[in-house]
Amino acid sequence: MFNGLADWWDGVELWLAQAPFPVQFVLVMAVVVPLCLVAALVLDTVFGKLARFFGTARDANDSDRPS
């Protein structure tokens, strides 16, 4: 099974490497930009929840510190 997947991926990679630059650019942008946006959304959500879980680093009642 993995050999078939590896062979398919090698074919796709070879096709993409031999394609003209504008085709490569469009395909990479169509795949990479949405993946980056999804990754940013997931990371923002995870770190936002972690920040809410751990709270703030300074004491809310400490008035002599600038906010």
PDB file of N, CA and C in Angstrom:
ATOM      1  N   MET A   1       0.825  -1.198   0.000  1.00  0.00           N
ATOM      2  CA  MET A   1       0.000   0.000   0.000  1.00  0.00           C
ATOM      3  C   MET A   1       0.871   1.265   0.000  1.00  0.00           C
ATOM      4  N   PHE A   2       1.869   1.315   0.887  1.00  0.00           N
ATOM      5  CA  PHE A   2       2.707   2.509   0.960  1.00  0.00           C
ATOM      6  C   PHE A   2       3.576   2.670  -0.281  1.00  0.00           C
ATOM      7  N   ASN A   3       3.935   1.561  -0.906  1.00  0.00           N
ATOM      8  CA  ASN A   3       4.703   1.661  -2.146  1.00  0.00           C
ATOM      9  C   ASN A   3       3.879   2.325  -3.239  1.00  0.00           C
ATOM     10  N   GLY A   4       2.599   1.974  -3.304  1.00  0.00           N
ATOM     11  CA  GLY A   4       1.718   2.605  -4.288  1.00  0.00           C
ATOM     12  C   GLY A   4       1.569   4.091  -4.031  1.00  0.00           C
ATOM     13  N   LEU A   5       1.416   4.461  -2.760  1.00  0.00           N
ATOM     14  CA  LEU A   5       1.302   5.875  -2.406  1.00  0.00           C
ATOM     15  C   LEU A   5       2.602   6.615  -2.718  1.00  0.00           C
ATOM     16  N   ALA A   6       3.730   5.999  -2.404  1.00  0.00           N
ATOM     17  CA  ALA A   6       5.030   6.621  -2.691  1.00  0.00           C
ATOM     18  C   ALA A   6       5.237   6.776  -4.193  1.00  0.00           C
ATOM     19  N   ASP A   7       4.844   5.785  -4.962  1.00  0.00           N
ATOM     20  CA  ASP A   7       4.968   5.885  -6.423  1.00  0.00           C
ATOM     21  C   ASP A   7       4.071   6.993  -6.972  1.00  0.00           C
ATOM     22  N   TRP A   8       2.855   7.090  -6.440  1.00  0.00           N
ATOM     23  CA  TRP A   8       1.938   8.140  -6.892  1.00  0.00           C
ATOM     24  C   TRP A   8       2.520   9.517  -6.558  1.00  0.00           C
ATOM     25  N   TRP A   9       3.034   9.675  -5.318  1.00  0.00           N
ATOM     26  CA  TRP A   9       3.598  10.957  -4.910  1.00  0.00           C
ATOM     27  C   TRP A   9       4.817  11.319  -5.756  1.00  0.00           C
ATOM     28  N   ASP A  10       5.652  10.328  -6.072  1.00  0.00           N
ATOM     29  CA  ASP A  10       6.809  10.586  -6.936  1.00  0.00           C
ATOM     30  C   ASP A  10       6.364  11.083  -8.306  1.00  0.00           C
ATOM     31  N   GLY A  11       5.285  10.518  -8.831  1.00  0.00           N
ATOM     32  CA  GLY A  11       4.756  10.966 -10.120  1.00  0.00           C
ATOM     33  C   GLY A  11       4.243  12.392 -10.057  1.00  0.00           C
ATOM     34  N   VAL A  12       3.528  12.709  -8.983  1.00  0.00           N
ATOM     35  CA  VAL A  12       3.008  14.073  -8.811  1.00  0.00           C
ATOM     36  C   VAL A  12       4.169  15.052  -8.678  1.00  0.00           C
ATOM     37  N   GLU A  13       5.155  14.685  -7.879  1.00  0.00           N
ATOM     38  CA  GLU A  13       6.314  15.556  -7.673  1.00  0.00           C
ATOM     39  C   GLU A  13       7.074  15.784  -8.978  1.00  0.00           C
ATOM     40  N   LEU A  14       7.253  14.736  -9.732  1.00  0.00           N
ATOM     41  CA  LEU A  14       7.943  14.860 -11.015  1.00  0.00           C
ATOM     42  C   LEU A  14       7.154  15.737 -11.977  1.00  0.00           C
ATOM     43  N   TRP A  15       5.833  15.547 -12.010  1.00  0.00           N
ATOM     44  CA  TRP A  15       4.996  16.361 -12.887  1.00  0.00           C
ATOM     45  C   TRP A  15       5.080  17.832 -12.494  1.00  0.00           C
ATOM     46  N   LEU A  16       5.008  18.092 -11.186  1.00  0.00           N
ATOM     47  CA  LEU A  16       5.050  19.479 -10.719  1.00  0.00           C
ATOM     48  C   LEU A  16       6.408  20.115 -10.998  1.00  0.00           C
ATOM     49  N   ALA A  17       7.474  19.357 -10.826  1.00  0.00           N
ATOM     50  CA  ALA A  17       8.816  19.895 -11.065  1.00  0.00           C
ATOM     51  C   ALA A  17       9.040  20.207 -12.538  1.00  0.00           C
ATOM     52  N   GLN A  18       8.376  19.489 -13.422  1.00  0.00           N
ATOM     53  CA  GLN A  18       8.549  19.712 -14.854  1.00  0.00           C
ATOM     54  C   GLN A  18       7.535  20.702 -15.426  1.00  0.00           C
ATOM     55  N   ALA A  19       6.578  21.115 -14.618  1.00  0.00           N
ATOM     56  CA  ALA A  19       5.571  22.062 -15.100  1.00  0.00           C
ATOM     57  C   ALA A  19       6.182  23.456 -15.210  1.00  0.00           C
ATOM     58  N   PRO A  20       5.624  24.309 -16.068  1.00  0.00           N
ATOM     59  CA  PRO A  20       6.106  25.693 -16.158  1.00  0.00           C
ATOM     60  C   PRO A  20       5.899  26.438 -14.831  1.00  0.00           C
ATOM     61  N   PHE A  21       6.719  27.452 -14.610  1.00  0.00           N
ATOM     62  CA  PHE A  21       6.676  28.180 -13.337  1.00  0.00           C
ATOM     63  C   PHE A  21       5.298  28.737 -12.994  1.00  0.00           C
ATOM     64  N   PRO A  22       4.560  29.363 -13.927  1.00  0.00           N
ATOM     65  CA  PRO A  22       3.245  29.884 -13.542  1.00  0.00           C
ATOM     66  C   PRO A  22       2.296  28.792 -13.034  1.00  0.00           C
ATOM     67  N   VAL A  23       2.373  27.617 -13.621  1.00  0.00           N
ATOM     68  CA  VAL A  23       1.538  26.506 -13.153  1.00  0.00           C
ATOM     69  C   VAL A  23       1.968  26.079 -11.753  1.00  0.00           C
ATOM     70  N   GLN A  24       3.271  25.992 -11.526  1.00  0.00           N
ATOM     71  CA  GLN A  24       3.773  25.650 -10.196  1.00  0.00           C
ATOM     72  C   GLN A  24       3.308  26.672  -9.161  1.00  0.00           C
ATOM     73  N   PHE A  25       3.415  27.945  -9.517  1.00  0.00           N
ATOM     74  CA  PHE A  25       3.038  29.016  -8.595  1.00  0.00           C
ATOM     75  C   PHE A  25       1.566  28.916  -8.209  1.00  0.00           C
ATOM     76  N   VAL A  26       0.710  28.747  -9.194  1.00  0.00           N
ATOM     77  CA  VAL A  26      -0.738  28.675  -8.928  1.00  0.00           C
ATOM     78  C   VAL A  26      -1.065  27.462  -8.077  1.00  0.00           C
ATOM     79  N   LEU A  27      -0.496  26.315  -8.409  1.00  0.00           N
ATOM     80  CA  LEU A  27      -0.788  25.110  -7.636  1.00  0.00           C
ATOM     81  C   LEU A  27      -0.269  25.197  -6.207  1.00  0.00           C
ATOM     82  N   VAL A  28       0.932  25.715  -6.038  1.00  0.00           N
ATOM     83  CA  VAL A  28       1.473  25.841  -4.687  1.00  0.00           C
ATOM     84  C   VAL A  28       0.648  26.828  -3.877  1.00  0.00           C
ATOM     85  N   MET A  29       0.267  27.945  -4.471  1.00  0.00           N
ATOM     86  CA  MET A  29      -0.550  28.918  -3.752  1.00  0.00           C
ATOM     87  C   MET A  29      -1.930  28.358  -3.413  1.00  0.00           C
ATOM     88  N   ALA A  30      -2.483  27.567  -4.296  1.00  0.00           N
ATOM     89  CA  ALA A  30      -3.807  26.986  -4.044  1.00  0.00           C
ATOM     90  C   ALA A  30      -3.762  25.961  -2.916  1.00  0.00           C
ATOM     91  N   VAL A  31      -2.597  25.379  -2.667  1.00  0.00           N
ATOM     92  CA  VAL A  31      -2.472  24.373  -1.615  1.00  0.00           C
ATOM     93  C   VAL A  31      -1.860  24.967  -0.346  1.00  0.00           C
ATOM     94  N   VAL A  32      -0.788  25.727  -0.483  1.00  0.00           N
ATOM     95  CA  VAL A  32      -0.037  26.194   0.681  1.00  0.00           C
ATOM     96  C   VAL A  32      -0.779  27.285   1.446  1.00  0.00           C
ATOM     97  N   VAL A  33      -1.383  28.221   0.758  1.00  0.00           N
ATOM     98  CA  VAL A  33      -2.060  29.328   1.450  1.00  0.00           C
ATOM     99  C   VAL A  33      -3.213  28.817   2.318  1.00  0.00           C
ATOM    100  N   PRO A  34      -4.112  27.980   1.808  1.00  0.00           N
ATOM    101  CA  PRO A  34      -5.155  27.466   2.702  1.00  0.00           C
ATOM    102  C   PRO A  34      -4.601  26.633   3.866  1.00  0.00           C
ATOM    103  N   LEU A  35      -3.559  25.838   3.626  1.00  0.00           N
ATOM    104  CA  LEU A  35      -2.968  25.062   4.722  1.00  0.00           C
ATOM    105  C   LEU A  35      -2.378  25.974   5.790  1.00  0.00           C
ATOM    106  N   CYS A  36      -1.724  27.040   5.369  1.00  0.00           N
ATOM    107  CA  CYS A  36      -1.154  27.991   6.336  1.00  0.00           C
ATOM    108  C   CYS A  36      -2.252  28.704   7.118  1.00  0.00           C
ATOM    109  N   LEU A  37      -3.331  29.060   6.444  1.00  0.00           N
ATOM    110  CA  LEU A  37      -4.446  29.710   7.140  1.00  0.00           C
ATOM    111  C   LEU A  37      -5.080  28.778   8.168  1.00  0.00           C
ATOM    112  N   VAL A  38      -5.259  27.526   7.809  1.00  0.00           N
ATOM    113  CA  VAL A  38      -5.826  26.555   8.750  1.00  0.00           C
ATOM    114  C   VAL A  38      -4.871  26.337   9.918  1.00  0.00           C
ATOM    115  N   ALA A  39      -3.576  26.216   9.633  1.00  0.00           N
ATOM    116  CA  ALA A  39      -2.591  26.033  10.704  1.00  0.00           C
ATOM    117  C   ALA A  39      -2.579  27.241  11.642  1.00  0.00           C
ATOM    118  N   ALA A  40      -2.667  28.446  11.095  1.00  0.00           N
ATOM    119  CA  ALA A  40      -2.685  29.652  11.924  1.00  0.00           C
ATOM    120  C   ALA A  40      -3.940  29.695  12.794  1.00  0.00           C
ATOM    121  N   LEU A  41      -5.074  29.324  12.241  1.00  0.00           N
ATOM    122  CA  LEU A  41      -6.320  29.303  13.007  1.00  0.00           C
ATOM    123  C   LEU A  41      -6.244  28.288  14.142  1.00  0.00           C
ATOM    124  N   VAL A  42      -5.728  27.101  13.846  1.00  0.00           N
ATOM    125  CA  VAL A  42      -5.605  26.068  14.879  1.00  0.00           C
ATOM    126  C   VAL A  42      -4.646  26.508  15.978  1.00  0.00           C
ATOM    127  N   LEU A  43      -3.479  27.033  15.587  1.00  0.00           N
ATOM    128  CA  LEU A  43      -2.516  27.485  16.585  1.00  0.00           C
ATOM    129  C   LEU A  43      -3.062  28.635  17.426  1.00  0.00           C
ATOM    130  N   ASP A  44      -3.759  29.565  16.804  1.00  0.00           N
ATOM    131  CA  ASP A  44      -4.344  30.681  17.533  1.00  0.00           C
ATOM    132  C   ASP A  44      -5.367  30.186  18.545  1.00  0.00           C
ATOM    133  N   THR A  45      -6.183  29.235  18.149  1.00  0.00           N
ATOM    134  CA  THR A  45      -7.193  28.687  19.047  1.00  0.00           C
ATOM    135  C   THR A  45      -6.545  27.947  20.209  1.00  0.00           C
ATOM    136  N   VAL A  46      -5.565  27.105  19.914  1.00  0.00           N
ATOM    137  CA  VAL A  46      -4.905  26.322  20.965  1.00  0.00           C
ATOM    138  C   VAL A  46      -4.193  27.234  21.954  1.00  0.00           C
ATOM    139  N   PHE A  47      -3.410  28.181  21.455  1.00  0.00           N
ATOM    140  CA  PHE A  47      -2.668  29.056  22.357  1.00  0.00           C
ATOM    141  C   PHE A  47      -3.592  30.032  23.088  1.00  0.00           C
ATOM    142  N   GLY A  48      -4.700  30.411  22.472  1.00  0.00           N
ATOM    143  CA  GLY A  48      -5.678  31.234  23.169  1.00  0.00           C
ATOM    144  C   GLY A  48      -6.304  30.498  24.340  1.00  0.00           C
ATOM    145  N   LYS A  49      -6.638  29.226  24.120  1.00  0.00           N
ATOM    146  CA  LYS A  49      -7.210  28.425  25.213  1.00  0.00           C
ATOM    147  C   LYS A  49      -6.187  28.172  26.311  1.00  0.00           C
ATOM    148  N   LEU A  50      -4.925  27.923  25.903  1.00  0.00           N
ATOM    149  CA  LEU A  50      -3.878  27.744  26.910  1.00  0.00           C
ATOM    150  C   LEU A  50      -3.661  29.025  27.715  1.00  0.00           C
ATOM    151  N   ALA A  51      -3.695  30.166  27.069  1.00  0.00           N
ATOM    152  CA  ALA A  51      -3.501  31.437  27.767  1.00  0.00           C
ATOM    153  C   ALA A  51      -4.649  31.686  28.749  1.00  0.00           C
ATOM    154  N   ARG A  52      -5.875  31.379  28.331  1.00  0.00           N
ATOM    155  CA  ARG A  52      -7.005  31.542  29.237  1.00  0.00           C
ATOM    156  C   ARG A  52      -6.917  30.572  30.407  1.00  0.00           C
ATOM    157  N   PHE A  53      -6.425  29.349  30.138  1.00  0.00           N
ATOM    158  CA  PHE A  53      -6.306  28.347  31.193  1.00  0.00           C
ATOM    159  C   PHE A  53      -5.288  28.766  32.241  1.00  0.00           C
ATOM    160  N   PHE A  54      -4.134  29.255  31.809  1.00  0.00           N
ATOM    161  CA  PHE A  54      -3.092  29.636  32.747  1.00  0.00           C
ATOM    162  C   PHE A  54      -3.285  31.033  33.313  1.00  0.00           C
ATOM    163  N   GLY A  55      -4.094  31.857  32.696  1.00  0.00           N
ATOM    164  CA  GLY A  55      -4.352  33.190  33.202  1.00  0.00           C
ATOM    165  C   GLY A  55      -3.237  34.161  32.889  1.00  0.00           C
ATOM    166  N   THR A  56      -3.319  35.321  33.518  1.00  0.00           N
ATOM    167  CA  THR A  56      -2.313  36.353  33.285  1.00  0.00           C
ATOM    168  C   THR A  56      -1.127  36.140  34.206  1.00  0.00           C
ATOM    169  N   ALA A  57       0.005  36.730  33.840  1.00  0.00           N
ATOM    170  CA  ALA A  57       1.227  36.554  34.623  1.00  0.00           C
ATOM    171  C   ALA A  57       1.291  37.513  35.802  1.00  0.00           C
ATOM    172  N   ARG A  58       0.588  38.631  35.732  1.00  0.00           N
ATOM    173  CA  ARG A  58       0.672  39.590  36.831  1.00  0.00           C
ATOM    174  C   ARG A  58      -0.597  39.553  37.669  1.00  0.00           C
ATOM    175  N   ASP A  59      -0.468  40.023  38.876  1.00  0.00           N
ATOM    176  CA  ASP A  59      -1.575  40.039  39.815  1.00  0.00           C
ATOM    177  C   ASP A  59      -2.523  41.185  39.463  1.00  0.00           C
ATOM    178  N   ALA A  60      -3.785  40.901  39.367  1.00  0.00           N
ATOM    179  CA  ALA A  60      -4.766  41.921  38.994  1.00  0.00           C
ATOM    180  C   ALA A  60      -4.940  42.974  40.071  1.00  0.00           C
ATOM    181  N   ASN A  61      -4.635  42.639  41.341  1.00  0.00           N
ATOM    182  CA  ASN A  61      -4.821  43.590  42.449  1.00  0.00           C
ATOM    183  C   ASN A  61      -3.581  44.433  42.698  1.00  0.00           C
ATOM    184  N   ASP A  62      -2.496  44.210  41.997  1.00  0.00           N
ATOM    185  CA  ASP A  62      -1.262  44.937  42.203  1.00  0.00           C
ATOM    186  C   ASP A  62      -1.346  46.260  41.436  1.00  0.00           C
ATOM    187  N   SER A  63      -1.578  47.377  42.145  1.00  0.00           N
ATOM    188  CA  SER A  63      -1.832  48.661  41.500  1.00  0.00           C
ATOM    189  C   SER A  63      -0.556  49.450  41.198  1.00  0.00           C
ATOM    190  N   ASP A  64       0.590  49.064  41.781  1.00  0.00           N
ATOM    191  CA  ASP A  64       1.810  49.850  41.535  1.00  0.00           C
ATOM    192  C   ASP A  64       2.500  49.458  40.233  1.00  0.00           C
ATOM    193  N   ARG A  65       2.064  48.438  39.572  1.00  0.00           N
ATOM    194  CA  ARG A  65       2.623  48.073  38.272  1.00  0.00           C
ATOM    195  C   ARG A  65       1.841  48.747  37.161  1.00  0.00           C
ATOM    196  N   PRO A  66       2.543  49.262  36.183  1.00  0.00           N
ATOM    197  CA  PRO A  66       1.803  49.839  35.041  1.00  0.00           C
ATOM    198  C   PRO A  66       1.124  48.736  34.249  1.00  0.00           C
ATOM    199  N   SER A  67      -0.028  49.060  33.719  1.00  0.00           N
ATOM    200  CA  SER A  67      -0.780  48.044  32.972  1.00  0.00           C
ATOM    201  C   SER A  67      -0.557  48.100  31.500  1.00  0.00           C
TER     202      SER A  67
END
